[in-house]
Amino acid sequence: MERAEIIDPGFSTADTDFPDISMDEGDLILKFKDWQKNQREVFFSDTVAFKWQMIETFIEGEEYDRSHIIIESAWLAEHVKQGEIGAQEGYKHYKFNFNGNGQLEVISNGFTVKM
């Protein structure tokens, strides 16, 4: 069963401006202004999937204004099942809740925060 584990990604998604999401040669770039109006840029390497939605859906352990790793992710498992990624490659299903603005989910090898 899927569940959310809260992580501290080095930035807050609470009370942010609406994010800008773009792709560049398989890498996802997320830009937004945080609650203190500081510009944030997050780089997701080797992204195999992402989705943005305006509605909010939650699973066990998830908070509306936090960042998470989804444990036992069905979405991630489907990518492994269909051969898009290998089970041992270290991909993770991340979910970032921008309370009131929407939710971003990403399957990637990790991310770095540009300060």
Protein backbone atom coordinates (compact mmCIF):
# COMPACT_ATOMS: atom_id res chain seq x y z
CA MET A 1 0.00 0.00 0.00
CA GLU A 2 1.30 3.43 -0.92
CA ARG A 3 2.24 5.82 1.83
CA ALA A 4 3.95 9.19 1.99
CA GLU A 5 7.14 9.86 3.90
CA ILE A 6 7.85 13.52 4.64
CA ILE A 7 11.23 14.80 3.48
CA ASP A 8 13.09 18.08 3.91
CA PRO A 9 14.20 18.96 0.39
CA GLY A 10 15.93 22.20 1.42
CA PHE A 11 13.01 24.44 0.47
CA SER A 12 9.39 24.93 1.46
CA THR A 13 6.39 24.50 -0.85
CA ALA A 14 4.01 26.16 1.63
CA ASP A 15 2.44 29.47 0.58
CA THR A 16 4.46 29.79 -2.63
CA ASP A 17 3.74 31.53 -5.88
CA PHE A 18 2.50 29.36 -8.75
CA PRO A 19 5.49 27.31 -10.01
CA ASP A 20 7.07 27.29 -13.46
CA ILE A 21 7.78 23.74 -14.67
CA SER A 22 9.90 22.98 -17.75
CA MET A 23 11.87 20.15 -19.35
CA ASP A 24 15.33 20.27 -20.88
CA GLU A 25 16.70 17.09 -22.50
CA GLY A 26 15.07 14.75 -19.97
CA ASP A 27 15.72 16.92 -16.94
CA LEU A 28 12.91 18.70 -15.12
CA ILE A 29 13.35 22.26 -13.85
CA LEU A 30 11.04 23.68 -11.20
CA LYS A 31 11.08 27.42 -10.41
CA PHE A 32 8.99 29.31 -7.89
CA LYS A 33 9.08 32.03 -5.26
CA ASP A 34 8.81 30.72 -1.72
CA TRP A 35 6.75 32.25 1.10
CA GLN A 36 9.53 34.78 1.73
CA LYS A 37 9.56 35.72 -1.98
CA ASN A 38 12.97 34.10 -2.51
CA GLN A 39 13.41 32.63 -5.98
CA ARG A 40 13.90 28.84 -5.85
CA GLU A 41 15.12 26.57 -8.62
CA VAL A 42 15.09 22.78 -8.34
CA PHE A 43 16.76 20.51 -10.91
CA PHE A 44 15.51 16.91 -11.24
CA SER A 45 18.04 14.76 -13.08
CA ASP A 46 17.02 12.03 -15.50
CA THR A 47 13.28 12.49 -15.05
CA VAL A 48 11.22 9.66 -16.54
CA ALA A 49 7.80 10.99 -15.53
CA PHE A 50 6.12 13.99 -13.96
CA LYS A 51 2.63 15.34 -13.52
CA TRP A 52 1.07 18.53 -12.25
CA GLN A 53 -2.48 18.74 -11.01
CA MET A 54 -4.52 21.60 -9.63
CA ILE A 55 -6.64 19.35 -7.42
CA GLU A 56 -5.32 17.91 -4.19
CA THR A 57 -5.31 14.19 -3.47
CA PHE A 58 -3.64 12.71 -0.41
CA ILE A 59 -2.50 9.30 0.80
CA GLU A 60 -1.52 8.02 4.24
CA GLY A 61 1.20 10.13 5.86
CA GLU A 62 0.90 13.04 3.45
CA GLU A 63 0.57 16.69 4.45
CA TYR A 64 -0.98 19.39 2.25
CA ASP A 65 1.98 21.79 2.36
CA ARG A 66 5.00 19.48 2.55
CA SER A 67 7.32 17.43 0.35
CA HIS A 68 7.32 13.64 0.28
CA ILE A 69 8.75 10.44 -1.11
CA ILE A 70 6.00 7.99 -2.02
CA ILE A 71 6.84 4.56 -0.61
CA GLU A 72 5.57 1.49 -2.51
CA SER A 73 4.52 3.75 -5.37
CA ALA A 74 2.24 2.07 -7.91
CA TRP A 75 3.25 4.72 -10.48
CA LEU A 76 6.96 3.95 -10.02
CA ALA A 77 6.28 0.19 -10.06
CA GLU A 78 4.47 0.54 -13.40
CA HIS A 79 7.54 2.22 -14.92
CA VAL A 80 9.69 -0.70 -13.71
CA LYS A 81 7.14 -3.28 -14.94
CA GLN A 82 7.08 -1.76 -18.42
CA GLY A 83 10.89 -1.69 -18.59
CA GLU A 84 11.32 2.08 -18.67
CA ILE A 85 13.59 1.91 -15.61
CA GLY A 86 15.30 -0.87 -13.67
CA ALA A 87 14.29 -1.74 -10.13
CA GLN A 88 17.87 -1.20 -8.90
CA GLU A 89 18.46 2.17 -10.60
CA GLY A 90 17.57 4.30 -7.59
CA TYR A 91 14.60 6.18 -9.00
CA LYS A 92 12.19 7.69 -6.50
CA HIS A 93 8.62 9.00 -6.64
CA TYR A 94 8.60 12.52 -5.20
CA LYS A 95 5.49 14.53 -4.42
CA PHE A 96 5.50 18.25 -3.65
CA ASN A 97 2.32 19.84 -2.32
CA PHE A 98 1.98 23.53 -3.09
CA ASN A 99 -0.96 24.08 -0.76
CA GLY A 100 -3.71 25.84 -2.66
CA ASN A 101 -1.80 25.90 -5.97
CA GLY A 102 -1.58 22.19 -6.76
CA GLN A 103 0.68 19.16 -6.61
CA LEU A 104 3.80 18.13 -8.53
CA GLU A 105 4.82 14.48 -8.74
CA VAL A 106 8.14 13.41 -10.24
CA ILE A 107 9.96 10.14 -10.87
CA SER A 108 13.67 10.86 -11.11
CA ASN A 109 17.12 9.88 -9.85
CA GLY A 110 17.12 12.77 -7.40
CA PHE A 111 17.20 16.52 -7.33
CA THR A 112 19.44 19.45 -6.49
CA VAL A 113 18.40 22.85 -5.23
CA LYS A 114 20.02 25.88 -6.82
CA MET A 115 20.37 28.66 -4.25
